[in-house]
Amino acid sequence: MIVLGLGSCFLAIAVLVAVTLLDQIEATRGQVALRVL
């Protein structure tokens, strides 16, 4: 049970990190697109 809890916590953290990274990538892409335009 403890292992499952750690696994779920790790998955939640990984998802949060992935979402934040995607948001940063999209933001940088938007800035680059605006600069190009």
PDB file of N, CA and C in Angstrom:
ATOM      1  N   MET A   1       0.839  -1.208   0.000  1.00  0.00           N
ATOM      2  CA  MET A   1       0.000   0.000   0.000  1.00  0.00           C
ATOM      3  C   MET A   1       0.874   1.258   0.000  1.00  0.00           C
ATOM      4  N   ILE A   2       1.950   1.230   0.771  1.00  0.00           N
ATOM      5  CA  ILE A   2       2.838   2.406   0.816  1.00  0.00           C
ATOM      6  C   ILE A   2       3.456   2.632  -0.568  1.00  0.00           C
ATOM      7  N   VAL A   3       3.835   1.529  -1.224  1.00  0.00           N
ATOM      8  CA  VAL A   3       4.442   1.659  -2.558  1.00  0.00           C
ATOM      9  C   VAL A   3       3.439   2.278  -3.527  1.00  0.00           C
ATOM     10  N   LEU A   4       2.176   1.852  -3.439  1.00  0.00           N
ATOM     11  CA  LEU A   4       1.150   2.415  -4.327  1.00  0.00           C
ATOM     12  C   LEU A   4       0.984   3.908  -4.048  1.00  0.00           C
ATOM     13  N   GLY A   5       1.017   4.294  -2.774  1.00  0.00           N
ATOM     14  CA  GLY A   5       0.876   5.709  -2.428  1.00  0.00           C
ATOM     15  C   GLY A   5       2.019   6.526  -3.012  1.00  0.00           C
ATOM     16  N   LEU A   6       3.247   6.004  -2.877  1.00  0.00           N
ATOM     17  CA  LEU A   6       4.400   6.724  -3.427  1.00  0.00           C
ATOM     18  C   LEU A   6       4.285   6.812  -4.941  1.00  0.00           C
ATOM     19  N   GLY A   7       3.829   5.725  -5.569  1.00  0.00           N
ATOM     20  CA  GLY A   7       3.696   5.719  -7.029  1.00  0.00           C
ATOM     21  C   GLY A   7       2.694   6.762  -7.489  1.00  0.00           C
ATOM     22  N   SER A   8       1.548   6.843  -6.797  1.00  0.00           N
ATOM     23  CA  SER A   8       0.526   7.821  -7.188  1.00  0.00           C
ATOM     24  C   SER A   8       1.045   9.239  -6.976  1.00  0.00           C
ATOM     25  N   CYS A   9       1.767   9.472  -5.888  1.00  0.00           N
ATOM     26  CA  CYS A   9       2.319  10.809  -5.620  1.00  0.00           C
ATOM     27  C   CYS A   9       3.324  11.168  -6.717  1.00  0.00           C
ATOM     28  N   PHE A  10       4.178  10.197  -7.080  1.00  0.00           N
ATOM     29  CA  PHE A  10       5.177  10.443  -8.127  1.00  0.00           C
ATOM     30  C   PHE A  10       4.485  10.764  -9.445  1.00  0.00           C
ATOM     31  N   LEU A  11       3.417  10.032  -9.761  1.00  0.00           N
ATOM     32  CA  LEU A  11       2.680  10.282 -11.010  1.00  0.00           C
ATOM     33  C   LEU A  11       2.081  11.686 -10.991  1.00  0.00           C
ATOM     34  N   ALA A  12       1.509  12.080  -9.856  1.00  0.00           N
ATOM     35  CA  ALA A  12       0.892  13.406  -9.758  1.00  0.00           C
ATOM     36  C   ALA A  12       1.952  14.491  -9.957  1.00  0.00           C
ATOM     37  N   ILE A  13       3.115  14.324  -9.325  1.00  0.00           N
ATOM     38  CA  ILE A  13       4.192  15.314  -9.462  1.00  0.00           C
ATOM     39  C   ILE A  13       4.669  15.360 -10.913  1.00  0.00           C
ATOM     40  N   ALA A  14       4.819  14.175 -11.537  1.00  0.00           N
ATOM     41  CA  ALA A  14       5.280  14.122 -12.930  1.00  0.00           C
ATOM     42  C   ALA A  14       4.292  14.846 -13.842  1.00  0.00           C
ATOM     43  N   VAL A  15       2.997  14.654 -13.599  1.00  0.00           N
ATOM     44  CA  VAL A  15       1.974  15.316 -14.422  1.00  0.00           C
ATOM     45  C   VAL A  15       2.051  16.830 -14.242  1.00  0.00           C
ATOM     46  N   LEU A  16       2.215  17.281 -12.994  1.00  0.00           N
ATOM     47  CA  LEU A  16       2.301  18.727 -12.747  1.00  0.00           C
ATOM     48  C   LEU A  16       3.524  19.320 -13.449  1.00  0.00           C
ATOM     49  N   VAL A  17       4.655  18.618 -13.358  1.00  0.00           N
ATOM     50  CA  VAL A  17       5.880  19.111 -14.010  1.00  0.00           C
ATOM     51  C   VAL A  17       5.686  19.161 -15.521  1.00  0.00           C
ATOM     52  N   ALA A  18       5.073  18.117 -16.083  1.00  0.00           N
ATOM     53  CA  ALA A  18       4.860  18.081 -17.536  1.00  0.00           C
ATOM     54  C   ALA A  18       3.957  19.232 -17.970  1.00  0.00           C
ATOM     55  N   VAL A  19       2.903  19.488 -17.196  1.00  0.00           N
ATOM     56  CA  VAL A  19       1.968  20.572 -17.544  1.00  0.00           C
ATOM     57  C   VAL A  19       2.677  21.926 -17.489  1.00  0.00           C
ATOM     58  N   THR A  20       3.479  22.150 -16.458  1.00  0.00           N
ATOM     59  CA  THR A  20       4.177  23.435 -16.343  1.00  0.00           C
ATOM     60  C   THR A  20       5.178  23.601 -17.486  1.00  0.00           C
ATOM     61  N   LEU A  21       5.873  22.510 -17.834  1.00  0.00           N
ATOM     62  CA  LEU A  21       6.845  22.589 -18.929  1.00  0.00           C
ATOM     63  C   LEU A  21       6.125  22.897 -20.238  1.00  0.00           C
ATOM     64  N   LEU A  22       4.992  22.234 -20.472  1.00  0.00           N
ATOM     65  CA  LEU A  22       4.231  22.482 -21.709  1.00  0.00           C
ATOM     66  C   LEU A  22       3.758  23.929 -21.737  1.00  0.00           C
ATOM     67  N   ASP A  23       3.311  24.446 -20.604  1.00  0.00           N
ATOM     68  CA  ASP A  23       2.853  25.841 -20.551  1.00  0.00           C
ATOM     69  C   ASP A  23       4.008  26.781 -20.897  1.00  0.00           C
ATOM     70  N   GLN A  24       5.196  26.511 -20.361  1.00  0.00           N
ATOM     71  CA  GLN A  24       6.346  27.367 -20.639  1.00  0.00           C
ATOM     72  C   GLN A  24       6.705  27.294 -22.117  1.00  0.00           C
ATOM     73  N   ILE A  25       6.671  26.081 -22.684  1.00  0.00           N
ATOM     74  CA  ILE A  25       7.007  25.911 -24.105  1.00  0.00           C
ATOM     75  C   ILE A  25       6.003  26.675 -24.969  1.00  0.00           C
ATOM     76  N   GLU A  26       4.722  26.550 -24.653  1.00  0.00           N
ATOM     77  CA  GLU A  26       3.697  27.262 -25.429  1.00  0.00           C
ATOM     78  C   GLU A  26       3.897  28.771 -25.302  1.00  0.00           C
ATOM     79  N   ALA A  27       4.225  29.250 -24.107  1.00  0.00           N
ATOM     80  CA  ALA A  27       4.430  30.684 -23.896  1.00  0.00           C
ATOM     81  C   ALA A  27       5.619  31.168 -24.730  1.00  0.00           C
ATOM     82  N   THR A  28       6.717  30.424 -24.713  1.00  0.00           N
ATOM     83  CA  THR A  28       7.897  30.825 -25.485  1.00  0.00           C
ATOM     84  C   THR A  28       7.583  30.781 -26.973  1.00  0.00           C
ATOM     85  N   ARG A  29       6.816  29.778 -27.396  1.00  0.00           N
ATOM     86  CA  ARG A  29       6.448  29.691 -28.817  1.00  0.00           C
ATOM     87  C   ARG A  29       5.618  30.907 -29.207  1.00  0.00           C
ATOM     88  N   GLY A  30       4.686  31.301 -28.338  1.00  0.00           N
ATOM     89  CA  GLY A  30       3.854  32.465 -28.629  1.00  0.00           C
ATOM     90  C   GLY A  30       4.708  33.719 -28.741  1.00  0.00           C
ATOM     91  N   GLN A  31       5.678  33.876 -27.851  1.00  0.00           N
ATOM     92  CA  GLN A  31       6.541  35.056 -27.891  1.00  0.00           C
ATOM     93  C   GLN A  31       7.363  35.060 -29.176  1.00  0.00           C
ATOM     94  N   VAL A  32       7.886  33.893 -29.546  1.00  0.00           N
ATOM     95  CA  VAL A  32       8.694  33.810 -30.774  1.00  0.00           C
ATOM     96  C   VAL A  32       7.829  34.119 -31.984  1.00  0.00           C
ATOM     97  N   ALA A  33       6.589  33.593 -32.008  1.00  0.00           N
ATOM     98  CA  ALA A  33       5.688  33.846 -33.138  1.00  0.00           C
ATOM     99  C   ALA A  33       5.385  35.341 -33.233  1.00  0.00           C
ATOM    100  N   LEU A  34       5.152  35.989 -32.088  1.00  0.00           N
ATOM    101  CA  LEU A  34       4.866  37.430 -32.100  1.00  0.00           C
ATOM    102  C   LEU A  34       6.085  38.203 -32.604  1.00  0.00           C
ATOM    103  N   ARG A  35       7.276  37.777 -32.206  1.00  0.00           N
ATOM    104  CA  ARG A  35       8.490  38.470 -32.657  1.00  0.00           C
ATOM    105  C   ARG A  35       8.639  38.322 -34.166  1.00  0.00           C
ATOM    106  N   VAL A  36       8.364  37.102 -34.669  1.00  0.00           N
ATOM    107  CA  VAL A  36       8.499  36.868 -36.113  1.00  0.00           C
ATOM    108  C   VAL A  36       7.482  37.705 -36.877  1.00  0.00           C
ATOM    109  N   LEU A  37       6.245  37.749 -36.350  1.00  0.00           N
ATOM    110  CA  LEU A  37       5.207  38.537 -37.030  1.00  0.00           C
ATOM    111  C   LEU A  37       5.528  40.024 -36.903  1.00  0.00           C
TER     112      LEU A  37
END
